[in-house]
Amino acid sequence: MKLNLREIASATMILFAVIDIVGSVPIIIDLRNKVGHIQSEKASIVAAIIMISFLFIGEEILNLIGIDVNSFAVAGSFVLFFLAIEMILGVTLYKDDAPQTAAVVPLAFPLIAGAGTMTSLLSLRAEYEVVNIIVAIILNIIFVYLVLKSSYRIERVLGQSGLSVIRKVFGVILMAIAVKLFATNIHGLF
């Protein structure tokens, strides 16, 4: 169990791409407008706890309920795909009662620590030392916290049209991630 800067950098970049908190800024702003306030600290801490817990017991939980990692990843790809459709087309596919707070659901889970993140953690665990993955999780959570805290400023700088463009661009990127996640894991089901 030793720290390896190359592993930390690789795991950090992979998680950064999957969590995609910058691409989620339009969703965060939309949530903030619906609920009035985002609990940045709570959302960041809960997401970190979910990710670190899943790193250690994720595969066992899936095995316990009879789900393999490939099935989990394919299901996660569908969720990401439908989120991407919402972002690109500006439609709402998932209707829920307005949340009272935007800390745990949907911010910490599934936006930050979602199916893509969980699947990535299981993949990283097969390649890297656990301590390096934990450092990568912490680095990403610090960045997530900073983005959540400065969502007002980001909104002011980008404006409504800038947010709309970013939302559509990251919607396409999210859709590509969903398709890749699906294509990579569908073979494992058959």
Protein backbone atom coordinates (compact mmCIF):
# COMPACT_ATOMS: atom_id res chain seq x y z
CA MET A 1 0.00 0.00 0.00
CA LYS A 2 2.07 2.91 -1.25
CA LEU A 3 1.26 6.23 -2.84
CA ASN A 4 1.96 6.41 -6.56
CA LEU A 5 1.61 9.82 -8.22
CA ARG A 6 1.01 8.32 -11.67
CA GLU A 7 -1.84 6.16 -10.36
CA ILE A 8 -3.30 9.11 -8.41
CA ALA A 9 -3.15 11.35 -11.50
CA SER A 10 -4.71 8.70 -13.76
CA ALA A 11 -7.50 7.83 -11.30
CA THR A 12 -8.17 11.53 -10.65
CA MET A 13 -8.52 12.28 -14.37
CA ILE A 14 -10.78 9.27 -14.99
CA LEU A 15 -13.06 10.19 -12.08
CA PHE A 16 -13.01 13.86 -13.12
CA ALA A 17 -14.25 12.91 -16.60
CA VAL A 18 -16.95 10.57 -15.28
CA ILE A 19 -18.21 12.85 -12.49
CA ASP A 20 -18.16 15.76 -14.97
CA ILE A 21 -19.11 18.38 -12.38
CA VAL A 22 -18.32 21.22 -14.81
CA GLY A 23 -20.78 19.74 -17.31
CA SER A 24 -23.32 19.43 -14.51
CA VAL A 25 -23.26 23.17 -13.73
CA PRO A 26 -26.52 23.78 -15.69
CA ILE A 27 -28.21 20.97 -13.71
CA ILE A 28 -26.84 22.36 -10.43
CA ILE A 29 -28.12 25.85 -11.27
CA ASP A 30 -31.50 24.40 -12.25
CA LEU A 31 -31.67 22.51 -8.94
CA ARG A 32 -30.67 25.63 -7.02
CA ASN A 33 -33.45 27.59 -8.72
CA LYS A 34 -35.99 24.88 -7.80
CA VAL A 35 -35.00 24.43 -4.14
CA GLY A 36 -33.46 27.82 -3.38
CA HIS A 37 -30.24 26.56 -1.78
CA ILE A 38 -27.70 23.83 -2.38
CA GLN A 39 -25.98 22.29 0.62
CA SER A 40 -22.50 22.05 -0.89
CA GLU A 41 -20.76 20.64 2.19
CA LYS A 42 -23.38 17.93 2.81
CA ALA A 43 -23.55 16.92 -0.86
CA SER A 44 -19.74 16.68 -1.11
CA ILE A 45 -19.33 14.67 2.11
CA VAL A 46 -22.18 12.27 1.28
CA ALA A 47 -20.82 11.73 -2.26
CA ALA A 48 -17.33 11.01 -0.84
CA ILE A 49 -18.77 8.51 1.68
CA ILE A 50 -20.82 6.79 -1.05
CA MET A 51 -17.79 6.51 -3.37
CA ILE A 52 -15.33 5.27 -0.75
CA SER A 53 -17.90 2.79 0.63
CA PHE A 54 -18.66 1.50 -2.85
CA LEU A 55 -14.92 1.14 -3.53
CA PHE A 56 -14.71 -1.37 -0.66
CA ILE A 57 -18.08 -3.14 -0.71
CA GLY A 58 -19.60 -2.38 -4.12
CA GLU A 59 -18.90 -5.66 -5.84
CA GLU A 60 -20.01 -7.63 -2.76
CA ILE A 61 -23.32 -5.71 -2.63
CA LEU A 62 -23.95 -6.37 -6.31
CA ASN A 63 -23.08 -10.07 -5.87
CA LEU A 64 -25.34 -10.31 -2.82
CA ILE A 65 -28.37 -9.15 -4.81
CA GLY A 66 -27.35 -11.21 -7.83
CA ILE A 67 -26.23 -8.40 -10.12
CA ASP A 68 -22.94 -8.53 -11.95
CA VAL A 69 -20.86 -5.43 -12.70
CA ASN A 70 -21.75 -5.58 -16.41
CA SER A 71 -25.50 -5.45 -15.68
CA PHE A 72 -24.94 -2.55 -13.29
CA ALA A 73 -22.93 -0.68 -15.91
CA VAL A 74 -25.51 -1.28 -18.67
CA ALA A 75 -28.33 -0.06 -16.38
CA GLY A 76 -26.20 2.98 -15.51
CA SER A 77 -25.68 3.66 -19.21
CA PHE A 78 -29.46 3.91 -19.71
CA VAL A 79 -29.77 6.42 -16.85
CA LEU A 80 -26.94 8.52 -18.30
CA PHE A 81 -28.48 8.28 -21.79
CA PHE A 82 -31.86 9.61 -20.62
CA LEU A 83 -30.17 12.40 -18.62
CA ALA A 84 -28.32 13.34 -21.82
CA ILE A 85 -31.58 13.43 -23.80
CA GLU A 86 -33.04 15.79 -21.18
CA MET A 87 -29.98 18.05 -21.48
CA ILE A 88 -29.87 18.10 -25.28
CA LEU A 89 -33.58 18.42 -26.05
CA GLY A 90 -34.57 20.47 -23.01
CA VAL A 91 -37.34 18.03 -22.10
CA THR A 92 -38.15 16.47 -18.74
CA LEU A 93 -38.41 12.69 -18.84
CA TYR A 94 -38.15 12.12 -15.11
CA LYS A 95 -40.85 13.85 -13.11
CA ASP A 96 -40.68 13.85 -9.34
CA ASP A 97 -42.11 15.99 -6.59
CA ALA A 98 -39.94 19.06 -6.16
CA PRO A 99 -37.15 18.09 -3.76
CA GLN A 100 -37.03 19.93 -0.45
CA THR A 101 -33.27 20.13 -0.54
CA ALA A 102 -30.66 19.39 -3.17
CA ALA A 103 -27.99 17.79 -1.03
CA VAL A 104 -28.23 14.00 -1.06
CA VAL A 105 -30.69 13.27 -3.89
CA PRO A 106 -30.18 14.09 -6.73
CA LEU A 107 -26.87 15.89 -6.11
CA ALA A 108 -24.66 13.50 -4.12
CA PHE A 109 -26.42 10.53 -5.72
CA PRO A 110 -26.79 10.05 -8.67
CA LEU A 111 -25.26 13.28 -10.08
CA ILE A 112 -21.83 13.10 -8.38
CA ALA A 113 -21.67 9.47 -7.22
CA GLY A 114 -23.79 7.87 -9.92
CA ALA A 115 -23.71 4.59 -11.80
CA GLY A 116 -20.87 5.73 -14.08
CA THR A 117 -18.76 6.74 -11.09
CA MET A 118 -19.50 3.47 -9.28
CA THR A 119 -18.63 1.41 -12.33
CA SER A 120 -15.42 3.40 -12.81
CA LEU A 121 -14.46 2.79 -9.18
CA LEU A 122 -14.83 -0.97 -9.63
CA SER A 123 -12.71 -0.80 -12.80
CA LEU A 124 -10.04 1.34 -11.11
CA ARG A 125 -9.89 -1.06 -8.16
CA ALA A 126 -8.82 -3.83 -10.53
CA GLU A 127 -5.89 -1.72 -11.80
CA TYR A 128 -4.74 0.59 -8.99
CA GLU A 129 -3.91 0.55 -5.29
CA VAL A 130 -6.91 1.44 -3.11
CA VAL A 131 -5.02 4.24 -1.32
CA ASN A 132 -4.33 5.99 -4.64
CA ILE A 133 -8.00 5.74 -5.64
CA ILE A 134 -9.06 7.23 -2.28
CA VAL A 135 -6.69 10.18 -2.83
CA ALA A 136 -8.21 10.63 -6.32
CA ILE A 137 -11.74 10.58 -4.83
CA ILE A 138 -10.77 13.23 -2.25
CA LEU A 139 -9.18 15.47 -4.91
CA ASN A 140 -12.33 15.22 -7.04
CA ILE A 141 -14.62 15.92 -4.08
CA ILE A 142 -12.63 19.09 -3.26
CA PHE A 143 -13.12 20.25 -6.85
CA VAL A 144 -16.83 19.31 -6.74
CA TYR A 145 -17.24 21.33 -3.53
CA LEU A 146 -15.58 24.39 -5.11
CA VAL A 147 -17.85 24.18 -8.17
CA LEU A 148 -20.97 23.77 -6.00
CA LYS A 149 -19.94 26.74 -3.84
CA SER A 150 -19.34 29.01 -6.83
CA SER A 151 -22.42 28.07 -8.90
CA TYR A 152 -23.83 31.62 -8.51
CA ARG A 153 -20.62 33.13 -9.92
CA ILE A 154 -20.42 30.59 -12.73
CA GLU A 155 -24.03 31.39 -13.68
CA ARG A 156 -23.32 35.15 -13.73
CA VAL A 157 -20.21 34.75 -15.88
CA LEU A 158 -21.77 32.39 -18.43
CA GLY A 159 -25.25 33.89 -18.62
CA GLN A 160 -28.37 32.02 -19.72
CA SER A 161 -27.28 31.47 -23.33
CA GLY A 162 -23.81 30.29 -22.26
CA LEU A 163 -25.37 27.80 -19.84
CA SER A 164 -27.71 26.57 -22.57
CA VAL A 165 -24.81 25.93 -24.95
CA ILE A 166 -22.75 24.18 -22.24
CA ARG A 167 -25.76 22.07 -21.24
CA LYS A 168 -26.25 20.86 -24.84
CA VAL A 169 -22.53 20.23 -25.45
CA PHE A 170 -22.15 18.27 -22.22
CA GLY A 171 -25.40 16.47 -22.99
CA VAL A 172 -23.78 15.12 -26.16
CA ILE A 173 -20.62 14.19 -24.19
CA LEU A 174 -22.77 12.46 -21.55
CA MET A 175 -24.59 10.58 -24.30
CA ALA A 176 -21.24 9.46 -25.74
CA ILE A 177 -20.13 8.26 -22.28
CA ALA A 178 -23.44 6.36 -21.95
CA VAL A 179 -22.99 4.68 -25.35
CA LYS A 180 -19.37 3.75 -24.53
CA LEU A 181 -20.41 2.37 -21.11
CA PHE A 182 -23.15 0.33 -22.82
CA ALA A 183 -20.90 -0.94 -25.64
CA THR A 184 -18.08 -1.89 -23.26
CA ASN A 185 -20.32 -3.87 -20.91
CA ILE A 186 -23.04 -5.37 -23.12
CA HIS A 187 -20.73 -8.20 -24.27
CA GLY A 188 -20.33 -9.34 -20.66
CA LEU A 189 -24.07 -10.04 -20.41
CA PHE A 190 -24.11 -12.68 -23.15
